[in-house]
Amino acid sequence: MARETEALLRTLLFNVRRSKTLAEAEAVIRAACTKDDIDSVEQEIARLKEPRDNP
């Protein structure tokens, strides 16, 4: 893993652990992400919430 990635992950973990609420933790992570990152995650969450066909 690149040093920049490790530093980013440590920073996020530190800030998330210090967050008092889930909303605060989410805000910390969103602040470190690009719009494309956030959109990608939101699309995956929507996909996982879709009902699945049971054969």
N, C-alpha and C. Protein backbone atom coordinates (compact mmCIF):
# COMPACT_ATOMS: atom_id res chain seq x y z
N MET A 1 0.85 -1.17 0.00
CA MET A 1 0.00 0.00 0.00
C MET A 1 0.90 1.24 0.00
N ALA A 2 0.52 2.21 -0.80
CA ALA A 2 1.31 3.43 -0.90
C ALA A 2 1.30 4.20 0.42
N ARG A 3 2.36 4.89 0.69
CA ARG A 3 2.47 5.67 1.93
C ARG A 3 1.35 6.70 2.04
N GLU A 4 0.96 7.30 0.91
CA GLU A 4 -0.12 8.28 0.94
C GLU A 4 -1.44 7.63 1.35
N THR A 5 -1.67 6.42 0.86
CA THR A 5 -2.90 5.71 1.21
C THR A 5 -2.91 5.36 2.69
N GLU A 6 -1.78 4.89 3.20
CA GLU A 6 -1.69 4.56 4.62
C GLU A 6 -1.94 5.78 5.48
N ALA A 7 -1.38 6.91 5.10
CA ALA A 7 -1.58 8.14 5.88
C ALA A 7 -3.05 8.56 5.85
N LEU A 8 -3.68 8.46 4.69
CA LEU A 8 -5.09 8.81 4.57
C LEU A 8 -5.96 7.89 5.43
N LEU A 9 -5.69 6.59 5.37
CA LEU A 9 -6.48 5.64 6.17
C LEU A 9 -6.29 5.88 7.66
N ARG A 10 -5.08 6.16 8.09
CA ARG A 10 -4.84 6.45 9.51
C ARG A 10 -5.57 7.71 9.95
N THR A 11 -5.54 8.73 9.10
CA THR A 11 -6.24 9.98 9.41
C THR A 11 -7.74 9.75 9.52
N LEU A 12 -8.29 9.00 8.56
CA LEU A 12 -9.73 8.72 8.60
C LEU A 12 -10.10 7.91 9.83
N LEU A 13 -9.33 6.88 10.11
CA LEU A 13 -9.61 6.05 11.29
C LEU A 13 -9.57 6.88 12.56
N PHE A 14 -8.57 7.71 12.70
CA PHE A 14 -8.44 8.57 13.87
C PHE A 14 -9.67 9.46 14.02
N ASN A 15 -10.06 10.12 12.93
CA ASN A 15 -11.19 11.04 12.99
C ASN A 15 -12.53 10.32 13.19
N VAL A 16 -12.67 9.16 12.59
CA VAL A 16 -13.91 8.39 12.79
C VAL A 16 -14.00 7.92 14.24
N ARG A 17 -12.90 7.46 14.80
CA ARG A 17 -12.91 7.00 16.19
C ARG A 17 -13.24 8.13 17.15
N ARG A 18 -12.88 9.35 16.80
CA ARG A 18 -13.16 10.51 17.65
C ARG A 18 -14.58 11.05 17.46
N SER A 19 -15.25 10.60 16.40
CA SER A 19 -16.61 11.08 16.12
C SER A 19 -17.56 10.59 17.20
N LYS A 20 -18.50 11.45 17.54
CA LYS A 20 -19.46 11.10 18.58
C LYS A 20 -20.73 10.48 18.00
N THR A 21 -21.00 10.73 16.74
CA THR A 21 -22.20 10.18 16.10
C THR A 21 -21.83 9.57 14.75
N LEU A 22 -22.72 8.76 14.25
CA LEU A 22 -22.53 8.18 12.93
C LEU A 22 -22.52 9.28 11.87
N ALA A 23 -23.37 10.27 12.01
CA ALA A 23 -23.41 11.37 11.05
C ALA A 23 -22.09 12.13 11.03
N GLU A 24 -21.49 12.33 12.16
CA GLU A 24 -20.19 13.00 12.24
C GLU A 24 -19.11 12.16 11.56
N ALA A 25 -19.13 10.86 11.81
CA ALA A 25 -18.16 9.97 11.18
C ALA A 25 -18.33 9.97 9.66
N GLU A 26 -19.58 9.95 9.21
CA GLU A 26 -19.85 9.98 7.77
C GLU A 26 -19.35 11.29 7.16
N ALA A 27 -19.55 12.39 7.84
CA ALA A 27 -19.08 13.69 7.34
C ALA A 27 -17.56 13.72 7.19
N VAL A 28 -16.86 13.11 8.14
CA VAL A 28 -15.40 13.05 8.08
C VAL A 28 -14.96 12.29 6.83
N ILE A 29 -15.60 11.18 6.58
CA ILE A 29 -15.22 10.36 5.43
C ILE A 29 -15.60 11.05 4.13
N ARG A 30 -16.80 11.63 4.07
CA ARG A 30 -17.22 12.35 2.86
C ARG A 30 -16.27 13.49 2.53
N ALA A 31 -15.76 14.16 3.53
CA ALA A 31 -14.85 15.28 3.31
C ALA A 31 -13.55 14.82 2.66
N ALA A 32 -13.18 13.57 2.85
CA ALA A 32 -11.93 13.05 2.29
C ALA A 32 -12.12 12.39 0.92
N CYS A 33 -13.37 12.29 0.47
CA CYS A 33 -13.67 11.59 -0.78
C CYS A 33 -14.02 12.56 -1.89
N THR A 34 -13.83 12.09 -3.12
CA THR A 34 -14.27 12.86 -4.27
C THR A 34 -15.76 12.59 -4.50
N LYS A 35 -16.38 13.42 -5.31
CA LYS A 35 -17.79 13.22 -5.64
C LYS A 35 -17.98 11.87 -6.33
N ASP A 36 -17.04 11.50 -7.20
CA ASP A 36 -17.13 10.21 -7.88
C ASP A 36 -17.07 9.05 -6.89
N ASP A 37 -16.21 9.15 -5.88
CA ASP A 37 -16.12 8.11 -4.85
C ASP A 37 -17.46 7.97 -4.13
N ILE A 38 -18.02 9.09 -3.73
CA ILE A 38 -19.28 9.09 -2.99
C ILE A 38 -20.40 8.53 -3.86
N ASP A 39 -20.49 8.97 -5.12
CA ASP A 39 -21.52 8.47 -6.03
C ASP A 39 -21.40 6.97 -6.23
N SER A 40 -20.18 6.47 -6.35
CA SER A 40 -19.97 5.04 -6.53
C SER A 40 -20.47 4.24 -5.33
N VAL A 41 -20.18 4.73 -4.15
CA VAL A 41 -20.63 4.05 -2.93
C VAL A 41 -22.16 4.10 -2.84
N GLU A 42 -22.75 5.25 -3.13
CA GLU A 42 -24.20 5.39 -3.07
C GLU A 42 -24.88 4.44 -4.07
N GLN A 43 -24.31 4.28 -5.26
CA GLN A 43 -24.86 3.36 -6.25
C GLN A 43 -24.79 1.92 -5.76
N GLU A 44 -23.70 1.56 -5.14
CA GLU A 44 -23.56 0.19 -4.64
C GLU A 44 -24.54 -0.07 -3.50
N ILE A 45 -24.74 0.90 -2.64
CA ILE A 45 -25.72 0.74 -1.55
C ILE A 45 -27.11 0.56 -2.13
N ALA A 46 -27.46 1.36 -3.13
CA ALA A 46 -28.77 1.24 -3.77
C ALA A 46 -28.93 -0.13 -4.40
N ARG A 47 -27.87 -0.62 -5.04
CA ARG A 47 -27.93 -1.94 -5.67
C ARG A 47 -28.15 -3.04 -4.63
N LEU A 48 -27.50 -2.92 -3.49
CA LEU A 48 -27.63 -3.93 -2.44
C LEU A 48 -29.01 -3.91 -1.79
N LYS A 49 -29.67 -2.76 -1.83
CA LYS A 49 -31.01 -2.64 -1.23
C LYS A 49 -32.10 -3.17 -2.15
N GLU A 50 -31.79 -3.35 -3.45
CA GLU A 50 -32.78 -3.83 -4.39
C GLU A 50 -33.19 -5.27 -4.04
N PRO A 51 -34.49 -5.55 -4.15
CA PRO A 51 -34.92 -6.93 -3.89
C PRO A 51 -34.33 -7.86 -4.94
N ARG A 52 -34.01 -9.04 -4.50
CA ARG A 52 -33.42 -10.03 -5.42
C ARG A 52 -34.47 -11.05 -5.80
N ASP A 53 -34.39 -11.52 -7.02
CA ASP A 53 -35.30 -12.56 -7.47
C ASP A 53 -34.92 -13.87 -6.79
N ASN A 54 -35.91 -14.54 -6.26
CA ASN A 54 -35.67 -15.86 -5.66
C ASN A 54 -36.13 -16.91 -6.63
N PRO A 55 -35.21 -17.68 -7.23
CA PRO A 55 -35.60 -18.72 -8.21
C PRO A 55 -36.32 -19.86 -7.56
